[in-house]
């Protein structure tokens, strides 16, 4: 593939990227990164590689700007989550185009976004339209497993690469979401923090032939049941307030009024319950959460364990701490549980909204019915590492999606796919962003 074809047909570029099996673990990003590196070199763009002892590369390329704006960082990862145990309509690394979609693992997360950024970057070079300010393109490894060989390592060991950069475009946001007949485009301006915990309970152990009532297993069952039945306290963050107030104003009527009442803590949980499945997207924007994911128990079928534990995928809101989460959990599960912090990646408390209106204007220009709104991402991205360097990430991978397309149930799932037209839409939007 040559650079001109790559920027003129970003969906075809995406097909090439998907066909590299970069399942993480183990990642195997080398060949995919080398393909991108060759495209950049063929376009006359120099690159640098950075990697730790694992040898998993992170690629840096730069374009000089017109000096009319501050430098901008574009970053994306090329590793993808596993497909094991999933039933796919088409092979996940074939990258088939069918029914107007590009199908394959990474189509949404986030080789589709990388294709958009790379196409925009190549276009700026080949059409000889220097961006407003200097632009750095960063292709990362290992995001899906925590970024330890990618963004985390790079920001800790080579912070000098990002000198002078205050704003970045990365995942995840800019996709259309139809609510109340209105087409919203949430732009991510904040994200929750990773806060993984291990919860352990103790009880009487013994021989499997002599049942124990109320032992460690029973205690853990009660813990899991309480976590399943109870939400943690409501917290309203600045990004969530801006999002709900903007959406409520646009929707209007009783539906808009109810949406705005989510910002009243005394009413939040009642309204979420009334919303049913419709509230599933909003619930974690308003609470710290934990999801039980890994159980640790006995080692022999005929021995009753006296200690069992569960690992909890905790996600805490901006402004909250691991200590806050543990205190809230104790109020739900009681004092019999011992909590151990496995990992906490902090973020920032207040979003920098300086570039939000510029990105919003681009979406309105491309889609007259677009209603851009700020968004708090309930997951985490590599943005948390750049935040430690004072860099604000805007999740801006624009996609105009069909109204019935369920983004949250397609990402990381079997039959992950992206509309062909959406890849071009995003490439155009990002190109306009770097030009401005």
Protein backbone atom coordinates (compact mmCIF):
# COMPACT_ATOMS: atom_id res chain seq x y z
CA UNK A 1 0.00 0.00 0.00
CA UNK A 2 1.35 3.44 -0.85
CA UNK A 3 0.83 6.57 1.31
CA UNK A 4 -1.47 8.30 -1.19
CA UNK A 5 -3.82 5.32 -1.33
CA UNK A 6 -3.71 5.09 2.47
CA UNK A 7 -4.97 8.61 3.10
CA UNK A 8 -7.45 8.59 0.23
CA UNK A 9 -9.02 5.31 1.35
CA UNK A 10 -8.81 5.05 5.16
CA UNK A 11 -11.17 2.05 5.23
CA UNK A 12 -8.72 0.09 3.08
CA UNK A 13 -5.90 1.24 5.35
CA UNK A 14 -7.91 -0.12 8.28
CA UNK A 15 -8.19 -3.50 6.55
CA UNK A 16 -4.40 -3.71 6.37
CA UNK A 17 -4.09 -2.87 10.07
CA UNK A 18 -6.69 -5.43 11.18
CA UNK A 19 -4.91 -8.21 9.28
CA UNK A 20 -1.98 -7.98 11.68
CA UNK A 21 -2.92 -10.23 14.60
CA UNK A 22 -1.84 -8.05 17.52
CA UNK A 23 -3.84 -9.88 20.18
CA UNK A 24 -2.65 -8.84 23.63
CA UNK A 25 -1.33 -10.88 25.30
CA UNK A 26 1.24 -11.22 23.87
CA UNK A 27 0.78 -8.19 21.56
CA UNK A 28 3.10 -8.91 18.62
CA UNK A 29 2.78 -5.29 17.50
CA UNK A 30 6.13 -5.25 15.66
CA UNK A 31 4.86 -6.12 12.16
CA UNK A 32 1.94 -3.71 12.37
CA UNK A 33 4.17 -0.89 13.59
CA UNK A 34 6.68 -1.66 10.81
CA UNK A 35 3.88 -1.37 8.23
CA UNK A 36 2.91 2.07 9.56
CA UNK A 37 6.57 3.08 9.72
CA UNK A 38 7.07 2.17 6.06
CA UNK A 39 4.03 4.23 5.01
CA UNK A 40 5.41 7.23 6.88
CA UNK A 41 8.89 6.81 5.40
CA UNK A 42 7.44 6.49 1.88
CA UNK A 43 5.67 9.80 2.48
CA UNK A 44 8.96 11.43 3.48
CA UNK A 45 8.21 11.50 7.22
CA UNK A 46 10.94 10.51 9.66
CA UNK A 47 10.20 8.27 12.64
CA UNK A 48 11.74 7.15 15.93
CA UNK A 49 11.14 3.92 17.82
CA UNK A 50 11.10 3.61 21.60
CA UNK A 51 10.70 0.35 23.52
CA UNK A 52 11.60 -1.21 26.84
CA UNK A 53 13.34 -4.54 27.23
CA UNK A 54 10.28 -6.34 25.88
CA UNK A 55 11.11 -5.03 22.40
CA UNK A 56 7.49 -4.01 21.78
CA UNK A 57 7.80 -0.80 19.75
CA UNK A 58 6.24 2.60 20.20
CA UNK A 59 6.56 4.78 17.11
CA UNK A 60 6.91 8.58 17.01
CA UNK A 61 6.54 10.80 13.93
CA UNK A 62 6.28 14.58 13.65
CA UNK A 63 4.99 17.21 11.25
CA UNK A 64 6.13 20.81 11.51
CA UNK A 65 3.32 23.34 11.71
CA UNK A 66 2.71 26.93 10.69
CA UNK A 67 3.40 28.25 14.17
CA UNK A 68 -0.20 29.44 14.58
CA UNK A 69 -1.16 27.01 17.36
CA UNK A 70 0.33 24.99 20.19
CA UNK A 71 1.63 21.51 19.37
CA UNK A 72 -0.89 18.68 19.26
CA UNK A 73 -0.44 15.00 20.07
CA UNK A 74 -2.32 12.29 18.14
CA UNK A 75 -1.97 8.87 19.75
CA UNK A 76 -3.45 5.41 19.36
CA UNK A 77 -2.66 1.80 20.13
CA UNK A 78 -2.47 -1.12 17.72
CA UNK A 79 -2.81 -4.03 20.15
CA UNK A 80 -6.26 -5.65 20.46
CA UNK A 81 -8.13 -7.85 22.93
CA UNK A 82 -8.40 -11.63 22.40
CA UNK A 83 -11.11 -13.32 20.32
CA UNK A 84 -10.90 -16.72 22.04
CA UNK A 85 -14.30 -18.25 22.76
CA UNK A 86 -16.18 -15.82 20.55
CA UNK A 87 -18.34 -16.81 17.59
CA UNK A 88 -17.68 -14.45 14.66
CA UNK A 89 -19.70 -14.09 11.47
CA UNK A 90 -16.46 -13.48 9.55
CA UNK A 91 -12.90 -14.38 10.60
CA UNK A 92 -11.78 -11.65 13.03
CA UNK A 93 -8.48 -10.91 11.28
CA UNK A 94 -9.72 -11.16 7.70
CA UNK A 95 -10.97 -7.55 7.70
CA UNK A 96 -13.79 -8.30 5.29
CA UNK A 97 -15.97 -5.48 3.97
CA UNK A 98 -19.60 -6.60 3.99
CA UNK A 99 -22.95 -4.82 4.38
CA UNK A 100 -21.19 -1.46 4.44
CA UNK A 101 -18.93 -2.35 7.39
CA UNK A 102 -15.31 -3.29 7.94
CA UNK A 103 -15.46 -6.39 10.16
CA UNK A 104 -12.67 -7.46 12.46
CA UNK A 105 -11.00 -7.26 15.81
CA UNK A 106 -9.82 -3.71 16.41
CA UNK A 107 -12.24 -2.11 13.94
CA UNK A 108 -13.49 0.09 16.80
CA UNK A 109 -10.80 -0.36 19.44
CA UNK A 110 -8.74 1.11 18.11
CA UNK A 111 -7.25 0.34 14.73
CA UNK A 112 -10.16 2.25 13.22
CA UNK A 113 -9.00 5.32 15.14
CA UNK A 114 -5.37 4.72 14.19
CA UNK A 115 -6.43 4.54 10.51
CA UNK A 116 -8.23 7.89 10.87
CA UNK A 117 -5.22 9.57 12.50
CA UNK A 118 -2.69 8.07 10.11
CA UNK A 119 -4.77 9.03 7.06
CA UNK A 120 -5.10 12.62 8.31
CA UNK A 121 -1.38 12.81 9.13
CA UNK A 122 -0.34 11.50 5.69
CA UNK A 123 -2.78 13.81 3.95
CA UNK A 124 -1.35 16.87 5.66
CA UNK A 125 2.12 15.85 4.46
CA UNK A 126 1.29 14.78 0.91
CA UNK A 127 -1.09 17.64 0.14
CA UNK A 128 1.52 20.02 1.52
CA UNK A 129 -0.88 21.64 3.98
CA UNK A 130 1.20 22.19 7.13
CA UNK A 131 -0.89 21.91 10.30
CA UNK A 132 -1.58 24.97 12.44
CA UNK A 133 0.97 23.81 15.00
CA UNK A 134 3.47 20.99 15.23
CA UNK A 135 1.80 17.57 15.36
CA UNK A 136 3.21 14.41 16.90
CA UNK A 137 1.76 11.05 15.85
CA UNK A 138 2.36 8.33 18.43
CA UNK A 139 1.61 4.66 17.71
CA UNK A 140 1.53 2.68 20.94
CA UNK A 141 1.77 -0.91 22.08
CA UNK A 142 0.19 -2.68 25.07
CA UNK A 143 -2.78 -0.43 25.91
CA UNK A 144 -5.15 -3.37 26.34
CA UNK A 145 -2.99 -4.92 29.07
CA UNK A 146 -2.38 -1.74 31.03
CA UNK A 147 0.14 0.20 28.94
CA UNK A 148 3.17 -1.02 30.91
CA UNK A 149 5.20 -1.48 27.72
CA UNK A 150 3.55 1.43 25.94
CA UNK A 151 2.26 4.77 27.20
CA UNK A 152 3.08 4.16 30.86
CA UNK A 153 6.71 3.24 30.12
CA UNK A 154 7.12 5.99 27.52
CA UNK A 155 5.79 8.84 29.68
CA UNK A 156 7.85 7.73 32.67
CA UNK A 157 11.10 7.21 30.78
CA UNK A 158 10.91 9.76 27.94
CA UNK A 159 8.81 12.69 29.17
CA UNK A 160 11.04 15.01 27.12
CA UNK A 161 9.26 13.79 23.98
CA UNK A 162 6.14 15.64 25.07
CA UNK A 163 7.67 18.97 26.06
CA UNK A 164 5.34 21.86 25.24
CA UNK A 165 2.32 19.64 24.48
CA UNK A 166 -0.84 20.42 26.46
CA UNK A 167 -3.55 18.83 24.30
CA UNK A 168 -3.99 15.46 22.62
CA UNK A 169 -6.50 13.55 20.53
CA UNK A 170 -6.98 9.90 21.43
CA UNK A 171 -9.70 7.42 22.24
CA UNK A 172 -12.66 7.34 22.97
CA UNK A 173 -15.41 9.67 21.84
CA UNK A 174 -16.83 11.59 18.91
CA UNK A 175 -19.16 8.79 17.84
CA UNK A 176 -22.83 9.60 17.32
CA UNK A 177 -25.41 8.56 19.91
CA UNK A 178 -29.12 9.06 19.19
CA UNK A 179 -31.20 9.91 22.27
CA UNK A 180 -34.71 11.35 22.15
CA UNK A 181 -34.47 11.73 18.37
CA UNK A 182 -31.38 13.94 18.70
CA UNK A 183 -27.93 13.01 17.36
CA UNK A 184 -25.38 13.66 20.07
CA UNK A 185 -21.63 13.36 19.65
CA UNK A 186 -20.04 12.81 23.09
CA UNK A 187 -16.43 14.04 23.14
CA UNK A 188 -14.45 12.48 25.96
CA UNK A 189 -12.90 15.10 28.23
CA UNK A 190 -12.38 12.95 31.34
CA UNK A 191 -12.16 9.30 32.33
CA UNK A 192 -12.49 7.16 35.42
CA UNK A 193 -9.43 5.85 37.25
CA UNK A 194 -8.30 2.25 37.38
CA UNK A 195 -8.49 0.91 40.95
CA UNK A 196 -8.09 -2.87 41.14
CA UNK A 197 -8.68 -4.52 44.51
CA UNK A 198 -8.49 -7.96 46.06
CA UNK A 199 -11.14 -8.74 48.69
CA UNK A 200 -10.41 -11.62 51.08
CA UNK A 201 -12.53 -13.37 53.72
CA UNK A 202 -11.59 -16.02 56.28
CA UNK A 203 -13.53 -18.81 57.95
CA UNK A 204 -13.32 -22.30 59.37
CA UNK A 205 -11.66 -24.85 57.09
CA UNK A 206 -11.56 -28.63 57.25
CA UNK A 207 -12.27 -31.94 55.57
CA UNK A 208 -14.69 -31.84 52.66
CA UNK A 209 -16.72 -34.68 54.17
CA UNK A 210 -17.59 -32.53 57.20
CA UNK A 211 -19.57 -29.55 55.91
CA UNK A 212 -18.93 -26.13 57.45
CA UNK A 213 -21.81 -23.68 57.76
CA UNK A 214 -20.98 -20.02 57.44
CA UNK A 215 -17.40 -20.63 56.34
CA UNK A 216 -15.23 -18.54 54.03
CA UNK A 217 -17.13 -19.63 50.91
CA UNK A 218 -20.47 -18.64 52.43
CA UNK A 219 -19.05 -15.31 53.55
CA UNK A 220 -17.75 -14.60 50.07
CA UNK A 221 -21.14 -15.49 48.61
CA UNK A 222 -22.74 -12.89 50.89
CA UNK A 223 -20.14 -10.31 49.84
CA UNK A 224 -20.82 -10.92 46.16
CA UNK A 225 -24.58 -10.80 46.71
CA UNK A 226 -24.35 -7.46 48.50
CA UNK A 227 -22.16 -6.01 45.78
CA UNK A 228 -24.66 -7.20 43.20
CA UNK A 229 -27.64 -5.61 44.96
CA UNK A 230 -26.20 -2.26 46.01
CA UNK A 231 -24.88 0.79 44.20
CA UNK A 232 -22.13 2.84 45.79
CA UNK A 233 -22.83 6.53 46.64
CA UNK A 234 -23.59 9.06 43.92
CA UNK A 235 -20.91 11.56 42.88
CA UNK A 236 -21.44 14.30 40.31
CA UNK A 237 -18.26 15.21 38.41
CA UNK A 238 -17.83 18.37 36.28
CA UNK A 239 -17.75 16.40 33.00
CA UNK A 240 -20.91 14.46 33.82
CA UNK A 241 -22.73 17.61 34.89
CA UNK A 242 -21.84 19.33 31.61
CA UNK A 243 -22.94 16.30 29.60
CA UNK A 244 -26.32 15.78 31.27
CA UNK A 245 -27.19 19.48 31.38
CA UNK A 246 -26.40 19.84 27.65
CA UNK A 247 -28.36 16.73 26.68
CA UNK A 248 -31.35 17.64 28.89
CA UNK A 249 -31.56 21.10 27.33
CA UNK A 250 -31.54 19.69 23.79
CA UNK A 251 -34.02 16.87 24.45
CA UNK A 252 -36.45 18.96 26.49
CA UNK A 253 -39.83 17.77 27.80
CA UNK A 254 -40.27 15.14 30.49
CA UNK A 255 -37.41 13.05 29.13
CA UNK A 256 -35.01 15.97 29.32
CA UNK A 257 -36.25 16.86 32.80
CA UNK A 258 -35.66 13.30 34.01
CA UNK A 259 -32.17 13.28 32.54
CA UNK A 260 -31.31 16.47 34.39
CA UNK A 261 -32.64 15.02 37.65
CA UNK A 262 -29.88 12.42 37.49
CA UNK A 263 -27.71 15.26 38.78
CA UNK A 264 -29.73 15.39 42.01
CA UNK A 265 -28.08 12.73 44.22
CA UNK A 266 -31.23 12.06 46.22
CA UNK A 267 -33.04 11.10 43.00
CA UNK A 268 -30.22 9.62 40.90
CA UNK A 269 -30.58 5.93 41.77
CA UNK A 270 -34.37 5.95 41.60
CA UNK A 271 -34.31 7.45 38.11
CA UNK A 272 -31.60 5.03 36.95
CA UNK A 273 -33.74 2.13 38.13
CA UNK A 274 -36.78 3.52 36.30
CA UNK A 275 -34.69 3.87 33.13
CA UNK A 276 -33.92 0.13 33.15
CA UNK A 277 -31.50 -0.86 30.40
CA UNK A 278 -31.55 2.74 29.20
CA UNK A 279 -29.71 3.77 32.35
CA UNK A 280 -26.90 1.25 31.96
CA UNK A 281 -24.72 3.72 30.05
CA UNK A 282 -25.19 6.49 32.61
CA UNK A 283 -24.97 4.49 35.86
CA UNK A 284 -21.15 4.19 36.04
CA UNK A 285 -20.76 7.90 35.19
CA UNK A 286 -22.36 8.65 38.55
CA UNK A 287 -20.83 6.04 40.85
CA UNK A 288 -17.59 4.38 41.74
CA UNK A 289 -17.95 0.75 40.64
CA UNK A 290 -16.43 -2.68 41.18
CA UNK A 291 -16.94 -5.77 39.07
CA UNK A 292 -15.96 -9.19 40.52
CA UNK A 293 -13.79 -10.88 37.89
CA UNK A 294 -11.41 -13.50 39.36
CA UNK A 295 -12.07 -15.93 42.24
CA UNK A 296 -9.38 -17.57 44.36
CA UNK A 297 -10.38 -20.49 46.60
CA UNK A 298 -9.30 -23.96 47.53
CA UNK A 299 -6.73 -26.15 45.83
CA UNK A 300 -8.15 -29.60 46.54
CA UNK A 301 -11.71 -30.81 46.10
CA UNK A 302 -11.74 -32.58 49.47
CA UNK A 303 -10.42 -29.64 51.52
CA UNK A 304 -12.66 -26.79 52.70
CA UNK A 305 -10.57 -23.61 52.34
CA UNK A 306 -10.28 -21.25 55.28
CA UNK A 307 -9.39 -18.30 53.01
CA UNK A 308 -11.04 -17.25 49.75
CA UNK A 309 -10.82 -14.04 47.77
CA UNK A 310 -12.15 -12.23 44.75
CA UNK A 311 -10.42 -9.70 42.51
CA UNK A 312 -12.47 -6.61 41.81
CA UNK A 313 -12.11 -4.45 38.72
CA UNK A 314 -12.67 -1.11 40.41
CA UNK A 315 -13.19 2.15 38.53
CA UNK A 316 -13.32 5.38 40.52
CA UNK A 317 -14.50 8.80 39.45
CA UNK A 318 -12.24 11.85 39.10
CA UNK A 319 -11.63 13.34 42.52
CA UNK A 320 -12.04 9.99 44.29
CA UNK A 321 -9.27 7.89 45.84
CA UNK A 322 -8.72 4.16 46.54
CA UNK A 323 -9.37 4.92 50.21
CA UNK A 324 -12.73 6.42 49.28
CA UNK A 325 -13.64 3.30 47.32
CA UNK A 326 -12.64 0.92 50.12
CA UNK A 327 -14.60 2.97 52.67
CA UNK A 328 -17.69 2.85 50.44
CA UNK A 329 -17.32 -0.90 49.92
CA UNK A 330 -17.03 -1.54 53.65
CA UNK A 331 -20.35 0.21 54.14
CA UNK A 332 -21.89 -2.36 51.79
CA UNK A 333 -20.11 -5.62 52.66
CA UNK A 334 -19.16 -5.11 56.32
CA UNK A 335 -15.92 -5.43 58.26
CA UNK A 336 -15.19 -9.13 57.69
CA UNK A 337 -13.52 -8.37 54.38
CA UNK A 338 -9.86 -7.44 53.96
CA UNK A 339 -9.13 -5.22 50.96
CA UNK A 340 -5.77 -5.10 49.18
CA UNK A 341 -4.99 -2.51 46.52
CA UNK A 342 -3.60 -4.26 43.42
CA UNK A 343 -3.22 -1.26 41.13
CA UNK A 344 -4.29 2.36 40.96
CA UNK A 345 -3.64 4.63 37.96
CA UNK A 346 -4.60 8.19 38.83
CA UNK A 347 -5.99 10.71 36.38
CA UNK A 348 -6.95 14.37 36.65
CA UNK A 349 -9.85 15.87 38.57
CA UNK A 350 -10.87 18.77 36.29
CA UNK A 351 -11.00 18.65 32.47
CA UNK A 352 -9.34 21.33 30.35
CA UNK A 353 -12.05 22.44 27.92
CA UNK A 354 -9.89 24.81 25.83
CA UNK A 355 -10.11 22.81 22.58
CA UNK A 356 -13.64 21.46 23.08
CA UNK A 357 -15.44 24.14 21.07
CA UNK A 358 -13.03 23.85 18.16
CA UNK A 359 -13.65 20.10 17.95
CA UNK A 360 -17.39 20.70 18.32
CA UNK A 361 -17.36 23.15 15.41
CA UNK A 362 -15.73 20.51 13.20
CA UNK A 363 -18.48 18.00 14.00
CA UNK A 364 -21.20 20.57 13.29
CA UNK A 365 -19.60 21.38 9.95
CA UNK A 366 -19.52 17.71 8.95
CA UNK A 367 -22.99 16.91 10.30
CA UNK A 368 -25.46 19.82 10.60
CA UNK A 369 -27.54 17.76 13.05
CA UNK A 370 -24.58 17.12 15.36
CA UNK A 371 -24.94 18.08 19.01
CA UNK A 372 -21.49 17.75 20.61
CA UNK A 373 -21.45 17.21 24.39
CA UNK A 374 -18.63 16.57 26.89
CA UNK A 375 -18.34 13.01 28.18
CA UNK A 376 -16.80 11.17 31.10
CA UNK A 377 -15.50 7.80 29.87
CA UNK A 378 -16.35 5.01 32.29
CA UNK A 379 -13.37 2.96 31.15
CA UNK A 380 -9.72 3.96 31.08
CA UNK A 381 -7.35 4.77 28.23
CA UNK A 382 -3.69 5.66 27.82
CA UNK A 383 -4.87 9.22 28.47
CA UNK A 384 -4.32 8.70 32.20
CA UNK A 385 -0.56 8.49 31.65
CA UNK A 386 -0.41 11.63 29.51
CA UNK A 387 -2.50 13.39 32.14
CA UNK A 388 0.40 12.97 34.54
CA UNK A 389 2.43 15.18 32.18
CA UNK A 390 -0.29 17.82 32.16
CA UNK A 391 -1.69 16.79 28.78
CA UNK A 392 -5.46 16.92 28.29
CA UNK A 393 -6.77 14.18 26.02
CA UNK A 394 -9.93 14.68 24.00
CA UNK A 395 -11.50 11.39 22.99
CA UNK A 396 -12.19 12.33 19.39
CA UNK A 397 -12.49 9.51 16.88
CA UNK A 398 -15.57 10.83 15.07
CA UNK A 399 -18.00 8.30 13.62
CA UNK A 400 -21.48 8.93 12.33
CA UNK A 401 -23.17 5.67 13.23
CA UNK A 402 -26.58 4.19 12.34
CA UNK A 403 -29.19 4.84 15.04
CA UNK A 404 -29.53 1.13 15.79
CA UNK A 405 -25.78 0.55 16.10
CA UNK A 406 -24.96 -0.34 19.71
CA UNK A 407 -21.42 0.89 20.18
CA UNK A 408 -20.95 -0.37 23.74
CA UNK A 409 -22.09 -3.90 22.86
CA UNK A 410 -19.91 -4.11 19.73
CA UNK A 411 -16.54 -3.03 21.07
CA UNK A 412 -14.45 -6.00 22.38
CA UNK A 413 -17.29 -8.27 21.28
CA UNK A 414 -17.68 -10.82 18.49
CA UNK A 415 -18.50 -9.21 15.14
CA UNK A 416 -16.73 -5.97 16.05
CA UNK A 417 -17.14 -3.70 13.04
CA UNK A 418 -17.24 -0.11 11.87
CA UNK A 419 -19.16 1.48 8.97
CA UNK A 420 -16.89 2.14 6.00
CA UNK A 421 -18.22 5.69 5.74
CA UNK A 422 -17.52 6.30 9.42
CA UNK A 423 -13.79 5.70 8.93
CA UNK A 424 -13.70 8.38 6.24
CA UNK A 425 -15.83 10.71 8.40
CA UNK A 426 -13.34 10.41 11.24
CA UNK A 427 -10.29 10.87 9.02
CA UNK A 428 -11.77 14.08 7.63
CA UNK A 429 -12.62 15.38 11.11
CA UNK A 430 -9.13 14.75 12.47
CA UNK A 431 -7.55 16.30 9.37
CA UNK A 432 -9.60 19.45 9.98
CA UNK A 433 -8.54 19.43 13.63
CA UNK A 434 -4.83 19.38 12.87
CA UNK A 435 -5.25 22.05 10.18
CA UNK A 436 -6.90 24.32 12.75
